[in-house]
């Protein structure tokens, strides 16, 4: 999935995406009343932009939000839900299997093939091992 398609999903879902300096994170998602927002660090681009946007969209689409006072298990649950949504969007199971059959057999070649970061690809591989 191309990054532009993710921006179109955000628009369709009514999620406002803005870019600005985020000194401590690459991205953030916020629910304020009925409004959903994603902030992307202005320095983020390429595969990292794609992964960050997909992850934050995962929070918005699945309504997986928490606050700084939430218990760790609640945070993990919401992070996992957002991450799983992003994995299924960027690396559908059928496409992942086709890539493996085509010979993409390591994290770095798979990450390049799907246009994602190696860290995200590792999470996807783990997800599909248990899915």
C-alpha atoms as a PDB file:
ATOM      1  CA  UNK A   1       0.000   0.000   0.000  1.00  0.00           C
ATOM      2  CA  UNK A   2       1.301   3.392  -0.953  1.00  0.00           C
ATOM      3  CA  UNK A   3       1.518   6.224   1.560  1.00  0.00           C
ATOM      4  CA  UNK A   4      -0.905   8.320  -0.526  1.00  0.00           C
ATOM      5  CA  UNK A   5      -3.578   5.650  -0.046  1.00  0.00           C
ATOM      6  CA  UNK A   6      -3.112   5.937   3.715  1.00  0.00           C
ATOM      7  CA  UNK A   7      -3.719   9.681   3.503  1.00  0.00           C
ATOM      8  CA  UNK A   8      -6.894   8.980   1.516  1.00  0.00           C
ATOM      9  CA  UNK A   9      -8.038   6.526   4.213  1.00  0.00           C
ATOM     10  CA  UNK A  10      -7.438   9.227   6.815  1.00  0.00           C
ATOM     11  CA  UNK A  11      -9.494  11.691   4.799  1.00  0.00           C
ATOM     12  CA  UNK A  12     -12.293   9.172   4.280  1.00  0.00           C
ATOM     13  CA  UNK A  13     -12.356   8.372   8.020  1.00  0.00           C
ATOM     14  CA  UNK A  14     -12.419  12.063   8.956  1.00  0.00           C
ATOM     15  CA  UNK A  15      -8.948  12.016  10.520  1.00  0.00           C
ATOM     16  CA  UNK A  16      -6.988  15.255  10.293  1.00  0.00           C
ATOM     17  CA  UNK A  17      -3.279  14.681   9.604  1.00  0.00           C
ATOM     18  CA  UNK A  18      -0.815  17.467  10.356  1.00  0.00           C
ATOM     19  CA  UNK A  19       2.970  17.636  10.202  1.00  0.00           C
ATOM     20  CA  UNK A  20       4.986  19.533  12.762  1.00  0.00           C
ATOM     21  CA  UNK A  21       8.009  19.118  14.985  1.00  0.00           C
ATOM     22  CA  UNK A  22       7.605  16.261  17.462  1.00  0.00           C
ATOM     23  CA  UNK A  23      10.858  16.171  19.433  1.00  0.00           C
ATOM     24  CA  UNK A  24      10.118  12.972  21.393  1.00  0.00           C
ATOM     25  CA  UNK A  25       7.983  10.870  19.000  1.00  0.00           C
ATOM     26  CA  UNK A  26       7.716  10.317  15.285  1.00  0.00           C
ATOM     27  CA  UNK A  27       3.935  10.379  15.433  1.00  0.00           C
ATOM     28  CA  UNK A  28       0.933  10.668  17.706  1.00  0.00           C
ATOM     29  CA  UNK A  29      -2.822  10.186  17.450  1.00  0.00           C
ATOM     30  CA  UNK A  30      -5.396  12.048  19.504  1.00  0.00           C
ATOM     31  CA  UNK A  31      -9.136  11.805  19.987  1.00  0.00           C
ATOM     32  CA  UNK A  32     -10.718  15.064  21.111  1.00  0.00           C
ATOM     33  CA  UNK A  33     -14.470  14.659  21.423  1.00  0.00           C
ATOM     34  CA  UNK A  34     -15.631  13.371  18.051  1.00  0.00           C
ATOM     35  CA  UNK A  35     -12.508  14.643  16.282  1.00  0.00           C
ATOM     36  CA  UNK A  36      -9.531  12.455  15.400  1.00  0.00           C
ATOM     37  CA  UNK A  37      -6.064  13.833  14.728  1.00  0.00           C
ATOM     38  CA  UNK A  38      -2.704  12.415  13.691  1.00  0.00           C
ATOM     39  CA  UNK A  39       0.490  14.369  14.126  1.00  0.00           C
ATOM     40  CA  UNK A  40       3.557  13.322  12.130  1.00  0.00           C
ATOM     41  CA  UNK A  41       6.986  14.708  12.841  1.00  0.00           C
ATOM     42  CA  UNK A  42       8.004  17.039  10.024  1.00  0.00           C
ATOM     43  CA  UNK A  43      11.275  15.087   9.568  1.00  0.00           C
ATOM     44  CA  UNK A  44       9.581  11.709   9.002  1.00  0.00           C
ATOM     45  CA  UNK A  45       9.541  10.479   5.400  1.00  0.00           C
ATOM     46  CA  UNK A  46       9.682   7.373   3.255  1.00  0.00           C
ATOM     47  CA  UNK A  47       9.109   4.000   4.880  1.00  0.00           C
ATOM     48  CA  UNK A  48       9.040   5.532   8.358  1.00  0.00           C
ATOM     49  CA  UNK A  49       6.264   7.948   7.356  1.00  0.00           C
ATOM     50  CA  UNK A  50       4.267   5.061   5.906  1.00  0.00           C
ATOM     51  CA  UNK A  51       4.657   2.927   9.032  1.00  0.00           C
ATOM     52  CA  UNK A  52       3.913   5.791  11.448  1.00  0.00           C
ATOM     53  CA  UNK A  53       0.844   6.897   9.519  1.00  0.00           C
ATOM     54  CA  UNK A  54      -0.506   3.330   9.306  1.00  0.00           C
ATOM     55  CA  UNK A  55       0.050   2.761  13.024  1.00  0.00           C
ATOM     56  CA  UNK A  56      -1.662   5.999  14.031  1.00  0.00           C
ATOM     57  CA  UNK A  57      -4.522   5.294  11.621  1.00  0.00           C
ATOM     58  CA  UNK A  58      -4.810   1.940  13.377  1.00  0.00           C
ATOM     59  CA  UNK A  59      -5.442   3.811  16.627  1.00  0.00           C
ATOM     60  CA  UNK A  60      -8.061   6.022  14.959  1.00  0.00           C
ATOM     61  CA  UNK A  61      -9.901   3.351  12.978  1.00  0.00           C
ATOM     62  CA  UNK A  62     -10.049   0.868  15.867  1.00  0.00           C
ATOM     63  CA  UNK A  63     -10.625   3.602  18.495  1.00  0.00           C
ATOM     64  CA  UNK A  64      -7.633   2.297  20.443  1.00  0.00           C
ATOM     65  CA  UNK A  65      -6.802   5.316  22.540  1.00  0.00           C
ATOM     66  CA  UNK A  66      -5.420   5.598  26.045  1.00  0.00           C
ATOM     67  CA  UNK A  67      -3.998   8.322  28.265  1.00  0.00           C
ATOM     68  CA  UNK A  68      -0.805   8.665  30.251  1.00  0.00           C
ATOM     69  CA  UNK A  69      -2.578   7.394  33.365  1.00  0.00           C
ATOM     70  CA  UNK A  70      -3.765   4.158  31.758  1.00  0.00           C
ATOM     71  CA  UNK A  71      -2.458   0.902  33.165  1.00  0.00           C
ATOM     72  CA  UNK A  72       0.342  -0.727  31.208  1.00  0.00           C
ATOM     73  CA  UNK A  73      -1.830  -3.679  30.142  1.00  0.00           C
ATOM     74  CA  UNK A  74      -4.413  -1.265  28.705  1.00  0.00           C
ATOM     75  CA  UNK A  75      -1.716   0.619  26.796  1.00  0.00           C
ATOM     76  CA  UNK A  76      -0.289  -2.621  25.413  1.00  0.00           C
ATOM     77  CA  UNK A  77      -3.735  -3.803  24.331  1.00  0.00           C
ATOM     78  CA  UNK A  78      -4.412  -0.579  22.426  1.00  0.00           C
ATOM     79  CA  UNK A  79      -0.916  -0.483  20.910  1.00  0.00           C
ATOM     80  CA  UNK A  80      -1.238  -4.098  19.762  1.00  0.00           C
ATOM     81  CA  UNK A  81      -4.650  -3.429  18.195  1.00  0.00           C
ATOM     82  CA  UNK A  82      -3.295  -0.404  16.286  1.00  0.00           C
ATOM     83  CA  UNK A  83      -0.170  -2.311  15.225  1.00  0.00           C
ATOM     84  CA  UNK A  84      -2.163  -5.310  14.001  1.00  0.00           C
ATOM     85  CA  UNK A  85      -4.409  -3.038  11.931  1.00  0.00           C
ATOM     86  CA  UNK A  86      -1.314  -1.442  10.374  1.00  0.00           C
ATOM     87  CA  UNK A  87       0.257  -4.827   9.621  1.00  0.00           C
ATOM     88  CA  UNK A  88      -2.870  -6.122   7.906  1.00  0.00           C
ATOM     89  CA  UNK A  89      -3.140  -2.920   5.845  1.00  0.00           C
ATOM     90  CA  UNK A  90       0.503  -2.663   4.770  1.00  0.00           C
ATOM     91  CA  UNK A  91       1.330  -6.364   4.539  1.00  0.00           C
ATOM     92  CA  UNK A  92      -1.765  -8.442   3.809  1.00  0.00           C
ATOM     93  CA  UNK A  93      -1.328 -12.122   4.648  1.00  0.00           C
ATOM     94  CA  UNK A  94      -1.721 -13.277   1.030  1.00  0.00           C
ATOM     95  CA  UNK A  95       0.879 -10.755  -0.161  1.00  0.00           C
ATOM     96  CA  UNK A  96       3.244 -11.812   2.619  1.00  0.00           C
ATOM     97  CA  UNK A  97       2.944 -15.461   1.567  1.00  0.00           C
ATOM     98  CA  UNK A  98       3.531 -14.562  -2.094  1.00  0.00           C
ATOM     99  CA  UNK A  99       6.657 -12.624  -1.157  1.00  0.00           C
ATOM    100  CA  UNK A 100       8.012 -15.614   0.774  1.00  0.00           C
ATOM    101  CA  UNK A 101       7.317 -17.937  -2.166  1.00  0.00           C
ATOM    102  CA  UNK A 102       9.036 -15.444  -4.498  1.00  0.00           C
ATOM    103  CA  UNK A 103      12.211 -15.749  -2.430  1.00  0.00           C
ATOM    104  CA  UNK A 104      12.077 -12.751  -0.130  1.00  0.00           C
ATOM    105  CA  UNK A 105      13.363 -14.680   2.831  1.00  0.00           C
ATOM    106  CA  UNK A 106      14.830 -12.166   5.266  1.00  0.00           C
ATOM    107  CA  UNK A 107      13.599  -9.146   7.166  1.00  0.00           C
ATOM    108  CA  UNK A 108      15.512  -6.616   5.069  1.00  0.00           C
ATOM    109  CA  UNK A 109      14.438  -7.908   1.666  1.00  0.00           C
ATOM    110  CA  UNK A 110      10.843  -8.192   2.868  1.00  0.00           C
ATOM    111  CA  UNK A 111      10.940  -4.668   4.313  1.00  0.00           C
ATOM    112  CA  UNK A 112      12.243  -3.296   1.030  1.00  0.00           C
ATOM    113  CA  UNK A 113       9.667  -5.280  -0.958  1.00  0.00           C
ATOM    114  CA  UNK A 114       6.781  -3.887   1.126  1.00  0.00           C
ATOM    115  CA  UNK A 115       8.299  -0.424   1.568  1.00  0.00           C
ATOM    116  CA  UNK A 116       8.293  -0.563   5.368  1.00  0.00           C
ATOM    117  CA  UNK A 117      10.967  -0.322   8.038  1.00  0.00           C
ATOM    118  CA  UNK A 118      12.847  -3.458   9.133  1.00  0.00           C
ATOM    119  CA  UNK A 119      11.477  -3.055  12.688  1.00  0.00           C
ATOM    120  CA  UNK A 120       7.919  -2.995  11.379  1.00  0.00           C
ATOM    121  CA  UNK A 121       8.648  -6.006   9.178  1.00  0.00           C
ATOM    122  CA  UNK A 122       9.903  -7.933  12.223  1.00  0.00           C
ATOM    123  CA  UNK A 123       6.604  -7.238  13.963  1.00  0.00           C
ATOM    124  CA  UNK A 124       4.696  -8.375  10.898  1.00  0.00           C
ATOM    125  CA  UNK A 125       6.633 -11.627  10.696  1.00  0.00           C
ATOM    126  CA  UNK A 126       5.935 -12.295  14.397  1.00  0.00           C
ATOM    127  CA  UNK A 127       2.271 -11.450  13.886  1.00  0.00           C
ATOM    128  CA  UNK A 128       1.902 -13.898  10.999  1.00  0.00           C
ATOM    129  CA  UNK A 129       3.726 -16.643  12.893  1.00  0.00           C
ATOM    130  CA  UNK A 130       0.936 -16.620  15.457  1.00  0.00           C
ATOM    131  CA  UNK A 131      -2.009 -15.618  13.243  1.00  0.00           C
END
